[in-house]
Amino acid sequence: MKNRHEIIGAAVEQLINERYGIVDRELLAHRLMEEFIRVSFSDASIEEKQLYESVMKFVTMDDMSQQLAD
């Protein structure tokens, strides 16, 4: 099973390849949300589903706290 860094790294790599190197936090959060939805509807283990959920929350919560600080 992947860890948090591998999941985020894979999403960033996919976005870089698709967008020619232009990646922002909002785009990354959207991609991770898509991955979370995909995994939640799959036959993945509960632990893997929770891992993808925590990764999605990690990226979006950090984004939300940054917006509150502005």
PDB file of N, CA and C in Angstrom:
ATOM      1  N   MET A   1       0.845  -1.176   0.000  1.00  0.00           N
ATOM      2  CA  MET A   1       0.000   0.000   0.000  1.00  0.00           C
ATOM      3  C   MET A   1       0.894   1.243   0.000  1.00  0.00           C
ATOM      4  N   LYS A   2       0.490   2.249  -0.733  1.00  0.00           N
ATOM      5  CA  LYS A   2       1.246   3.493  -0.824  1.00  0.00           C
ATOM      6  C   LYS A   2       1.149   4.275   0.481  1.00  0.00           C
ATOM      7  N   ASN A   3       2.095   5.195   0.669  1.00  0.00           N
ATOM      8  CA  ASN A   3       1.986   6.108   1.797  1.00  0.00           C
ATOM      9  C   ASN A   3       1.551   7.483   1.284  1.00  0.00           C
ATOM     10  N   ARG A   4       1.341   8.409   2.191  1.00  0.00           N
ATOM     11  CA  ARG A   4       0.825   9.741   1.842  1.00  0.00           C
ATOM     12  C   ARG A   4       1.701  10.438   0.801  1.00  0.00           C
ATOM     13  N   HIS A   5       3.000  10.386   1.001  1.00  0.00           N
ATOM     14  CA  HIS A   5       3.919  11.073   0.092  1.00  0.00           C
ATOM     15  C   HIS A   5       3.884  10.477  -1.316  1.00  0.00           C
ATOM     16  N   GLU A   6       3.772   9.173  -1.410  1.00  0.00           N
ATOM     17  CA  GLU A   6       3.703   8.521  -2.726  1.00  0.00           C
ATOM     18  C   GLU A   6       2.421   8.902  -3.465  1.00  0.00           C
ATOM     19  N   ILE A   7       1.311   8.996  -2.749  1.00  0.00           N
ATOM     20  CA  ILE A   7       0.040   9.366  -3.376  1.00  0.00           C
ATOM     21  C   ILE A   7       0.098  10.799  -3.889  1.00  0.00           C
ATOM     22  N   ILE A   8       0.580  11.714  -3.050  1.00  0.00           N
ATOM     23  CA  ILE A   8       0.684  13.117  -3.467  1.00  0.00           C
ATOM     24  C   ILE A   8       1.690  13.252  -4.604  1.00  0.00           C
ATOM     25  N   GLY A   9       2.821  12.567  -4.495  1.00  0.00           N
ATOM     26  CA  GLY A   9       3.836  12.624  -5.544  1.00  0.00           C
ATOM     27  C   GLY A   9       3.323  12.125  -6.878  1.00  0.00           C
ATOM     28  N   ALA A  10       2.559  11.042  -6.858  1.00  0.00           N
ATOM     29  CA  ALA A  10       2.000  10.503  -8.104  1.00  0.00           C
ATOM     30  C   ALA A  10       1.013  11.488  -8.721  1.00  0.00           C
ATOM     31  N   ALA A  11       0.203  12.125  -7.889  1.00  0.00           N
ATOM     32  CA  ALA A  11      -0.761  13.104  -8.405  1.00  0.00           C
ATOM     33  C   ALA A  11      -0.040  14.304  -9.013  1.00  0.00           C
ATOM     34  N   VAL A  12       1.003  14.774  -8.348  1.00  0.00           N
ATOM     35  CA  VAL A  12       1.779  15.905  -8.880  1.00  0.00           C
ATOM     36  C   VAL A  12       2.434  15.517 -10.198  1.00  0.00           C
ATOM     37  N   GLU A  13       3.016  14.329 -10.260  1.00  0.00           N
ATOM     38  CA  GLU A  13       3.657  13.868 -11.495  1.00  0.00           C
ATOM     39  C   GLU A  13       2.660  13.799 -12.648  1.00  0.00           C
ATOM     40  N   GLN A  14       1.466  13.277 -12.392  1.00  0.00           N
ATOM     41  CA  GLN A  14       0.433  13.213 -13.433  1.00  0.00           C
ATOM     42  C   GLN A  14       0.062  14.611 -13.910  1.00  0.00           C
ATOM     43  N   LEU A  15      -0.103  15.527 -12.970  1.00  0.00           N
ATOM     44  CA  LEU A  15      -0.483  16.892 -13.341  1.00  0.00           C
ATOM     45  C   LEU A  15       0.619  17.590 -14.125  1.00  0.00           C
ATOM     46  N   ILE A  16       1.859  17.382 -13.731  1.00  0.00           N
ATOM     47  CA  ILE A  16       2.977  17.991 -14.461  1.00  0.00           C
ATOM     48  C   ILE A  16       3.009  17.472 -15.890  1.00  0.00           C
ATOM     49  N   ASN A  17       2.810  16.178 -16.055  1.00  0.00           N
ATOM     50  CA  ASN A  17       2.826  15.596 -17.397  1.00  0.00           C
ATOM     51  C   ASN A  17       1.661  16.093 -18.241  1.00  0.00           C
ATOM     52  N   GLU A  18       0.509  16.297 -17.625  1.00  0.00           N
ATOM     53  CA  GLU A  18      -0.666  16.757 -18.368  1.00  0.00           C
ATOM     54  C   GLU A  18      -0.650  18.255 -18.625  1.00  0.00           C
ATOM     55  N   ARG A  19      -0.101  19.030 -17.709  1.00  0.00           N
ATOM     56  CA  ARG A  19      -0.192  20.483 -17.772  1.00  0.00           C
ATOM     57  C   ARG A  19       1.143  21.148 -18.074  1.00  0.00           C
ATOM     58  N   TYR A  20       2.097  20.384 -18.500  1.00  0.00           N
ATOM     59  CA  TYR A  20       3.407  20.918 -18.869  1.00  0.00           C
ATOM     60  C   TYR A  20       4.076  21.670 -17.724  1.00  0.00           C
ATOM     61  N   GLY A  21       3.978  21.138 -16.530  1.00  0.00           N
ATOM     62  CA  GLY A  21       4.699  21.702 -15.397  1.00  0.00           C
ATOM     63  C   GLY A  21       3.943  22.708 -14.566  1.00  0.00           C
ATOM     64  N   ILE A  22       2.733  23.048 -14.925  1.00  0.00           N
ATOM     65  CA  ILE A  22       1.972  24.038 -14.172  1.00  0.00           C
ATOM     66  C   ILE A  22       1.050  23.314 -13.194  1.00  0.00           C
ATOM     67  N   VAL A  23       1.368  23.414 -11.904  1.00  0.00           N
ATOM     68  CA  VAL A  23       0.569  22.746 -10.874  1.00  0.00           C
ATOM     69  C   VAL A  23       0.346  23.734  -9.737  1.00  0.00           C
ATOM     70  N   ASP A  24      -0.894  23.865  -9.307  1.00  0.00           N
ATOM     71  CA  ASP A  24      -1.171  24.660  -8.117  1.00  0.00           C
ATOM     72  C   ASP A  24      -1.926  23.804  -7.111  1.00  0.00           C
ATOM     73  N   ARG A  25      -2.076  24.313  -5.925  1.00  0.00           N
ATOM     74  CA  ARG A  25      -2.687  23.543  -4.843  1.00  0.00           C
ATOM     75  C   ARG A  25      -4.131  23.176  -5.150  1.00  0.00           C
ATOM     76  N   GLU A  26      -4.872  24.085  -5.758  1.00  0.00           N
ATOM     77  CA  GLU A  26      -6.276  23.808  -6.084  1.00  0.00           C
ATOM     78  C   GLU A  26      -6.387  22.650  -7.074  1.00  0.00           C
ATOM     79  N   LEU A  27      -5.548  22.663  -8.071  1.00  0.00           N
ATOM     80  CA  LEU A  27      -5.545  21.588  -9.064  1.00  0.00           C
ATOM     81  C   LEU A  27      -5.147  20.255  -8.420  1.00  0.00           C
ATOM     82  N   LEU A  28      -4.161  20.296  -7.540  1.00  0.00           N
ATOM     83  CA  LEU A  28      -3.738  19.090  -6.832  1.00  0.00           C
ATOM     84  C   LEU A  28      -4.860  18.565  -5.937  1.00  0.00           C
ATOM     85  N   ALA A  29      -5.538  19.451  -5.225  1.00  0.00           N
ATOM     86  CA  ALA A  29      -6.651  19.038  -4.362  1.00  0.00           C
ATOM     87  C   ALA A  29      -7.758  18.396  -5.186  1.00  0.00           C
ATOM     88  N   HIS A  30      -8.036  18.965  -6.346  1.00  0.00           N
ATOM     89  CA  HIS A  30      -9.071  18.406  -7.219  1.00  0.00           C
ATOM     90  C   HIS A  30      -8.681  17.006  -7.691  1.00  0.00           C
ATOM     91  N   ARG A  31      -7.427  16.829  -8.091  1.00  0.00           N
ATOM     92  CA  ARG A  31      -6.958  15.523  -8.551  1.00  0.00           C
ATOM     93  C   ARG A  31      -7.026  14.495  -7.423  1.00  0.00           C
ATOM     94  N   LEU A  32      -6.636  14.896  -6.220  1.00  0.00           N
ATOM     95  CA  LEU A  32      -6.679  13.969  -5.094  1.00  0.00           C
ATOM     96  C   LEU A  32      -8.110  13.629  -4.702  1.00  0.00           C
ATOM     97  N   MET A  33      -9.026  14.573  -4.878  1.00  0.00           N
ATOM     98  CA  MET A  33     -10.433  14.282  -4.615  1.00  0.00           C
ATOM     99  C   MET A  33     -10.938  13.245  -5.609  1.00  0.00           C
ATOM    100  N   GLU A  34     -10.546  13.372  -6.875  1.00  0.00           N
ATOM    101  CA  GLU A  34     -10.926  12.372  -7.881  1.00  0.00           C
ATOM    102  C   GLU A  34     -10.380  10.993  -7.513  1.00  0.00           C
ATOM    103  N   GLU A  35      -9.130  10.957  -7.051  1.00  0.00           N
ATOM    104  CA  GLU A  35      -8.522   9.685  -6.646  1.00  0.00           C
ATOM    105  C   GLU A  35      -9.243   9.102  -5.436  1.00  0.00           C
ATOM    106  N   PHE A  36      -9.598   9.960  -4.485  1.00  0.00           N
ATOM    107  CA  PHE A  36     -10.326   9.499  -3.298  1.00  0.00           C
ATOM    108  C   PHE A  36     -11.666   8.892  -3.695  1.00  0.00           C
ATOM    109  N   ILE A  37     -12.378   9.543  -4.593  1.00  0.00           N
ATOM    110  CA  ILE A  37     -13.676   9.028  -5.050  1.00  0.00           C
ATOM    111  C   ILE A  37     -13.482   7.692  -5.760  1.00  0.00           C
ATOM    112  N   ARG A  38     -12.464   7.611  -6.614  1.00  0.00           N
ATOM    113  CA  ARG A  38     -12.192   6.364  -7.331  1.00  0.00           C
ATOM    114  C   ARG A  38     -11.911   5.223  -6.354  1.00  0.00           C
ATOM    115  N   VAL A  39     -11.062   5.488  -5.373  1.00  0.00           N
ATOM    116  CA  VAL A  39     -10.701   4.449  -4.412  1.00  0.00           C
ATOM    117  C   VAL A  39     -11.891   4.087  -3.530  1.00  0.00           C
ATOM    118  N   SER A  40     -12.707   5.077  -3.144  1.00  0.00           N
ATOM    119  CA  SER A  40     -13.847   4.768  -2.265  1.00  0.00           C
ATOM    120  C   SER A  40     -14.871   3.870  -2.911  1.00  0.00           C
ATOM    121  N   PHE A  41     -14.983   3.919  -4.226  1.00  0.00           N
ATOM    122  CA  PHE A  41     -15.942   3.053  -4.912  1.00  0.00           C
ATOM    123  C   PHE A  41     -15.308   1.749  -5.404  1.00  0.00           C
ATOM    124  N   SER A  42     -14.045   1.554  -5.091  1.00  0.00           N
ATOM    125  CA  SER A  42     -13.365   0.323  -5.503  1.00  0.00           C
ATOM    126  C   SER A  42     -13.442  -0.709  -4.378  1.00  0.00           C
ATOM    127  N   ASP A  43     -12.808  -1.834  -4.606  1.00  0.00           N
ATOM    128  CA  ASP A  43     -12.782  -2.874  -3.577  1.00  0.00           C
ATOM    129  C   ASP A  43     -11.531  -2.766  -2.704  1.00  0.00           C
ATOM    130  N   ALA A  44     -11.000  -1.555  -2.596  1.00  0.00           N
ATOM    131  CA  ALA A  44      -9.809  -1.322  -1.776  1.00  0.00           C
ATOM    132  C   ALA A  44     -10.128  -1.577  -0.303  1.00  0.00           C
ATOM    133  N   SER A  45      -9.092  -1.827   0.451  1.00  0.00           N
ATOM    134  CA  SER A  45      -9.273  -2.062   1.887  1.00  0.00           C
ATOM    135  C   SER A  45      -9.723  -0.776   2.582  1.00  0.00           C
ATOM    136  N   ILE A  46     -10.277  -0.936   3.747  1.00  0.00           N
ATOM    137  CA  ILE A  46     -10.717   0.224   4.531  1.00  0.00           C
ATOM    138  C   ILE A  46      -9.528   1.128   4.839  1.00  0.00           C
ATOM    139  N   GLU A  47      -8.383   0.529   5.141  1.00  0.00           N
ATOM    140  CA  GLU A  47      -7.183   1.309   5.444  1.00  0.00           C
ATOM    141  C   GLU A  47      -6.756   2.155   4.250  1.00  0.00           C
ATOM    142  N   GLU A  48      -6.824   1.578   3.052  1.00  0.00           N
ATOM    143  CA  GLU A  48      -6.437   2.332   1.858  1.00  0.00           C
ATOM    144  C   GLU A  48      -7.420   3.467   1.600  1.00  0.00           C
ATOM    145  N   LYS A  49      -8.698   3.214   1.784  1.00  0.00           N
ATOM    146  CA  LYS A  49      -9.705   4.265   1.613  1.00  0.00           C
ATOM    147  C   LYS A  49      -9.470   5.393   2.611  1.00  0.00           C
ATOM    148  N   GLN A  50      -9.157   5.038   3.850  1.00  0.00           N
ATOM    149  CA  GLN A  50      -8.888   6.049   4.871  1.00  0.00           C
ATOM    150  C   GLN A  50      -7.618   6.825   4.561  1.00  0.00           C
ATOM    151  N   LEU A  51      -6.632   6.157   3.989  1.00  0.00           N
ATOM    152  CA  LEU A  51      -5.395   6.826   3.611  1.00  0.00           C
ATOM    153  C   LEU A  51      -5.662   7.885   2.544  1.00  0.00           C
ATOM    154  N   TYR A  52      -6.414   7.530   1.512  1.00  0.00           N
ATOM    155  CA  TYR A  52      -6.727   8.497   0.460  1.00  0.00           C
ATOM    156  C   TYR A  52      -7.558   9.654   1.012  1.00  0.00           C
ATOM    157  N   GLU A  53      -8.452   9.355   1.942  1.00  0.00           N
ATOM    158  CA  GLU A  53      -9.242  10.413   2.570  1.00  0.00           C
ATOM    159  C   GLU A  53      -8.339  11.355   3.362  1.00  0.00           C
ATOM    160  N   SER A  54      -7.387  10.804   4.105  1.00  0.00           N
ATOM    161  CA  SER A  54      -6.488  11.650   4.894  1.00  0.00           C
ATOM    162  C   SER A  54      -5.590  12.502   4.001  1.00  0.00           C
ATOM    163  N   VAL A  55      -5.162  11.948   2.862  1.00  0.00           N
ATOM    164  CA  VAL A  55      -4.346  12.713   1.917  1.00  0.00           C
ATOM    165  C   VAL A  55      -5.154  13.878   1.356  1.00  0.00           C
ATOM    166  N   MET A  56      -6.385  13.613   0.963  1.00  0.00           N
ATOM    167  CA  MET A  56      -7.241  14.664   0.418  1.00  0.00           C
ATOM    168  C   MET A  56      -7.450  15.761   1.473  1.00  0.00           C
ATOM    169  N   LYS A  57      -7.738  15.367   2.698  1.00  0.00           N
ATOM    170  CA  LYS A  57      -7.942  16.340   3.775  1.00  0.00           C
ATOM    171  C   LYS A  57      -6.662  17.114   4.065  1.00  0.00           C
ATOM    172  N   PHE A  58      -5.527  16.440   4.029  1.00  0.00           N
ATOM    173  CA  PHE A  58      -4.241  17.083   4.288  1.00  0.00           C
ATOM    174  C   PHE A  58      -4.005  18.235   3.318  1.00  0.00           C
ATOM    175  N   VAL A  59      -4.252  18.001   2.055  1.00  0.00           N
ATOM    176  CA  VAL A  59      -4.016  19.031   1.041  1.00  0.00           C
ATOM    177  C   VAL A  59      -5.067  20.135   1.132  1.00  0.00           C
ATOM    178  N   THR A  60      -6.337  19.784   1.305  1.00  0.00           N
ATOM    179  CA  THR A  60      -7.387  20.805   1.331  1.00  0.00           C
ATOM    180  C   THR A  60      -7.396  21.584   2.632  1.00  0.00           C
ATOM    181  N   MET A  61      -7.106  20.962   3.756  1.00  0.00           N
ATOM    182  CA  MET A  61      -7.086  21.682   5.029  1.00  0.00           C
ATOM    183  C   MET A  61      -5.954  22.689   5.054  1.00  0.00           C
ATOM    184  N   ASP A  62      -4.795  22.305   4.550  1.00  0.00           N
ATOM    185  CA  ASP A  62      -3.681  23.229   4.487  1.00  0.00           C
ATOM    186  C   ASP A  62      -4.051  24.416   3.622  1.00  0.00           C
ATOM    187  N   ASP A  63      -4.769  24.167   2.537  1.00  0.00           N
ATOM    188  CA  ASP A  63      -5.221  25.225   1.643  1.00  0.00           C
ATOM    189  C   ASP A  63      -6.214  26.136   2.359  1.00  0.00           C
ATOM    190  N   MET A  64      -7.134  25.547   3.122  1.00  0.00           N
ATOM    191  CA  MET A  64      -8.132  26.337   3.828  1.00  0.00           C
ATOM    192  C   MET A  64      -7.485  27.201   4.900  1.00  0.00           C
ATOM    193  N   SER A  65      -6.516  26.671   5.636  1.00  0.00           N
ATOM    194  CA  SER A  65      -5.855  27.457   6.681  1.00  0.00           C
ATOM    195  C   SER A  65      -5.065  28.608   6.071  1.00  0.00           C
ATOM    196  N   GLN A  66      -4.523  28.388   4.884  1.00  0.00           N
ATOM    197  CA  GLN A  66      -3.801  29.452   4.198  1.00  0.00           C
ATOM    198  C   GLN A  66      -4.767  30.555   3.768  1.00  0.00           C
ATOM    199  N   GLN A  67      -5.960  30.193   3.304  1.00  0.00           N
ATOM    200  CA  GLN A  67      -6.957  31.179   2.906  1.00  0.00           C
ATOM    201  C   GLN A  67      -7.427  31.986   4.107  1.00  0.00           C
ATOM    202  N   LEU A  68      -7.578  31.346   5.259  1.00  0.00           N
ATOM    203  CA  LEU A  68      -8.006  32.050   6.461  1.00  0.00           C
ATOM    204  C   LEU A  68      -6.953  33.048   6.924  1.00  0.00           C
ATOM    205  N   ALA A  69      -5.696  32.733   6.690  1.00  0.00           N
ATOM    206  CA  ALA A  69      -4.612  33.620   7.098  1.00  0.00           C
ATOM    207  C   ALA A  69      -4.526  34.862   6.221  1.00  0.00           C
ATOM    208  N   ASP A  70      -5.016  34.768   4.996  1.00  0.00           N
ATOM    209  CA  ASP A  70      -4.935  35.916   4.066  1.00  0.00           C
ATOM    210  C   ASP A  70      -5.904  37.010   4.388  1.00  0.00           C
TER     211      ASP A  70
END
